[in-house]
Every structure is written in C-alpha cells, then in structure tokens.
Amino acid sequence: MKSLSLQAKLYFGATLITGGLLAVLQMSRLDGQHLALLVVACVLASLYQAMRTEGAKPTSSYSLSWIVYGVTFLLLGIPETVLVILVAHAVEWFWYRYTWEIQSFNTAAFVITATIAGLFYELAMAGQWLSSF
C-alpha cells in the first residue's frame, strides 16, 4: 500500500470508512427473524465465495456468491444481506489468507453496493420512484 498515490490512498480509506460505518449501521438493524434461512445463506455464500473460479488473468477471479447475496437481499433485506457478505468474505479471508488491504476493500465495496441498492429498492417499492415516470 506504500506504493499507492495519495489519491488512491484517500479512495481506499474513504471506501473502508464508508463500508465500515454502513456495516455497523446495517448490523444494528438486524431483527433476528428467519434465523435458519440466514444461516443457510451464510453457509452457501461462504462456500461459493471460497470456491472461486480463476478469471482470464492469473490475478483475476470470480465467485457465484453474488447469487446468494441477491436472493438474501430479496427475501430477507439489506441488513441480512450485509451480514451474509461479511460472513462470506471473512471465510474467504481465512481460507486464502489475503492481505488485509485486499479483503477489507472488497468487503467494504460489497457493503456499500448492497446498501445503495437497498435504498433504491426501498424507494422503488414505496412507489415514490416509479410514480414519477
């Protein structure tokens, strides 16, 4: 991380802080309903996250855990989705032993994306967004 430019370091830091704050906010909103489904989602997402597929380049890869994130998002909500993201990335971090910078940035980016998608989804479902078209 020492070799990064100041702008990259600021972007990295802002992503970590924003993702961390949003994760804390979302975890405070967990209601504990559907615990069995939430555990199943955490296990499946963790398996998919750890069983990644190598991409076109040796340094790229992808996983199918996003499918579990999407289903969790639709069935359970934003806080539960963020919990599943946190658990799956923690398992991947443990399994592959990535440096903290890579995994924390990826996790924060997923949390930010899930939270923003959830806000738009809530607006759309409330009819406030769709009625303007």
Protein backbone atom coordinates (compact mmCIF):
# COMPACT_ATOMS: atom_id res chain seq x y z
CA MET A 1 0.00 0.00 0.00
CA LYS A 2 3.01 2.26 0.42
CA SER A 3 3.43 2.44 -3.36
CA LEU A 4 -0.07 3.87 -3.92
CA SER A 5 -0.56 7.52 -4.80
CA LEU A 6 -2.15 9.87 -2.30
CA GLN A 7 -5.39 9.85 -4.31
CA ALA A 8 -5.51 6.06 -4.25
CA LYS A 9 -4.84 6.01 -0.50
CA LEU A 10 -7.65 8.53 0.06
CA TYR A 11 -10.03 6.46 -2.08
CA PHE A 12 -9.02 3.31 -0.22
CA GLY A 13 -9.51 4.97 3.16
CA ALA A 14 -12.84 6.51 2.22
CA THR A 15 -14.09 3.14 0.98
CA LEU A 16 -13.02 1.40 4.19
CA ILE A 17 -14.57 4.05 6.45
CA THR A 18 -17.82 4.24 4.48
CA GLY A 19 -18.15 0.48 4.22
CA GLY A 20 -17.35 0.03 7.90
CA LEU A 21 -19.87 2.62 9.02
CA LEU A 22 -22.57 1.18 6.76
CA ALA A 23 -21.82 -2.33 8.04
CA VAL A 24 -22.25 -1.17 11.64
CA LEU A 25 -25.47 0.63 10.71
CA GLN A 26 -26.88 -2.40 8.92
CA MET A 27 -25.90 -4.79 11.74
CA SER A 28 -27.80 -2.57 14.18
CA ARG A 29 -30.90 -3.11 12.01
CA LEU A 30 -30.85 -6.93 12.14
CA ASP A 31 -34.13 -8.25 13.54
CA GLY A 32 -33.28 -11.93 14.07
CA GLN A 33 -36.23 -13.32 12.14
CA HIS A 34 -35.66 -16.18 9.71
CA LEU A 35 -32.51 -17.27 11.52
CA ALA A 36 -32.38 -20.70 9.84
CA LEU A 37 -32.61 -19.16 6.37
CA LEU A 38 -29.93 -16.64 7.30
CA VAL A 39 -27.58 -19.41 8.46
CA VAL A 40 -28.15 -21.34 5.23
CA ALA A 41 -27.44 -18.19 3.21
CA CYS A 42 -24.22 -17.57 5.17
CA VAL A 43 -23.03 -21.15 4.60
CA LEU A 44 -23.86 -21.16 0.88
CA ALA A 45 -22.34 -17.74 0.26
CA SER A 46 -19.21 -18.75 2.16
CA LEU A 47 -18.84 -21.91 0.10
CA TYR A 48 -19.35 -20.05 -3.17
CA GLN A 49 -17.00 -17.26 -2.10
CA ALA A 50 -14.27 -19.72 -1.15
CA MET A 51 -14.78 -21.83 -4.32
CA ARG A 52 -13.82 -19.03 -6.65
CA THR A 53 -13.13 -19.50 -10.34
CA GLU A 54 -9.96 -18.12 -11.89
CA GLY A 55 -10.56 -15.38 -14.41
CA ALA A 56 -8.91 -14.58 -17.72
CA LYS A 57 -5.76 -13.38 -15.97
CA PRO A 58 -3.94 -15.13 -13.11
CA THR A 59 -4.74 -12.19 -10.82
CA SER A 60 -8.48 -12.18 -11.54
CA SER A 61 -11.18 -14.44 -10.21
CA TYR A 62 -14.91 -14.50 -9.60
CA SER A 63 -17.34 -16.38 -7.44
CA LEU A 64 -21.02 -17.20 -7.54
CA SER A 65 -21.69 -15.89 -4.06
CA TRP A 66 -23.42 -12.87 -5.58
CA ILE A 67 -26.35 -15.17 -6.39
CA VAL A 68 -26.82 -15.86 -2.68
CA TYR A 69 -26.43 -12.15 -1.91
CA GLY A 70 -29.20 -11.34 -4.39
CA VAL A 71 -31.60 -13.96 -3.06
CA THR A 72 -30.89 -12.86 0.51
CA PHE A 73 -31.46 -9.25 -0.49
CA LEU A 74 -34.87 -10.03 -2.00
CA LEU A 75 -36.05 -12.46 0.69
CA LEU A 76 -34.62 -11.03 3.89
CA GLY A 77 -33.48 -7.45 3.36
CA ILE A 78 -30.44 -5.24 3.41
CA PRO A 79 -29.10 -5.93 6.94
CA GLU A 80 -29.24 -9.67 6.40
CA THR A 81 -27.52 -9.33 3.03
CA VAL A 82 -24.73 -7.30 4.60
CA LEU A 83 -24.31 -9.96 7.29
CA VAL A 84 -24.06 -12.69 4.63
CA ILE A 85 -21.48 -10.59 2.75
CA LEU A 86 -19.44 -10.08 5.91
CA VAL A 87 -19.50 -13.77 6.83
CA ALA A 88 -18.67 -14.97 3.29
CA HIS A 89 -15.75 -12.55 2.93
CA ALA A 90 -14.45 -13.45 6.40
CA VAL A 91 -14.45 -17.15 5.43
CA GLU A 92 -12.69 -16.36 2.16
CA TRP A 93 -10.15 -14.25 4.03
CA PHE A 94 -9.49 -17.10 6.44
CA TRP A 95 -9.26 -19.65 3.62
CA TYR A 96 -6.96 -17.77 1.24
CA ARG A 97 -5.10 -15.54 3.71
CA TYR A 98 -5.29 -12.45 1.52
CA THR A 99 -3.60 -9.32 2.80
CA TRP A 100 -5.94 -7.24 4.91
CA GLU A 101 -6.00 -4.41 2.37
CA ILE A 102 -7.43 -6.50 -0.45
CA GLN A 103 -10.10 -8.29 1.54
CA SER A 104 -11.20 -5.30 3.61
CA PHE A 105 -11.51 -3.16 0.48
CA ASN A 106 -13.53 -5.85 -1.34
CA THR A 107 -15.80 -6.36 1.67
CA ALA A 108 -16.36 -2.62 2.13
CA ALA A 109 -17.16 -2.21 -1.57
CA PHE A 110 -19.74 -5.02 -1.40
CA VAL A 111 -21.33 -3.49 1.72
CA ILE A 112 -21.56 -0.07 0.08
CA THR A 113 -23.08 -1.52 -3.07
CA ALA A 114 -25.62 -3.62 -1.18
CA THR A 115 -26.67 -0.66 0.94
CA ILE A 116 -27.11 1.69 -2.02
CA ALA A 117 -29.02 -0.98 -3.96
CA GLY A 118 -31.23 -1.47 -0.91
CA LEU A 119 -32.01 2.23 -0.70
CA PHE A 120 -33.05 2.33 -4.35
CA TYR A 121 -35.08 -0.85 -3.92
CA GLU A 122 -36.91 0.59 -0.92
CA LEU A 123 -37.68 3.77 -2.86
CA ALA A 124 -38.96 1.77 -5.82
CA MET A 125 -41.10 -0.48 -3.62
CA ALA A 126 -42.58 2.54 -1.85
CA GLY A 127 -43.79 3.81 -5.22
CA GLN A 128 -42.06 7.16 -4.80
CA TRP A 129 -39.67 6.44 -7.62
CA LEU A 130 -41.90 4.73 -10.13
CA SER A 131 -44.77 7.21 -9.92
CA SER A 132 -42.59 9.98 -11.37
CA PHE A 133 -42.22 8.14 -14.73
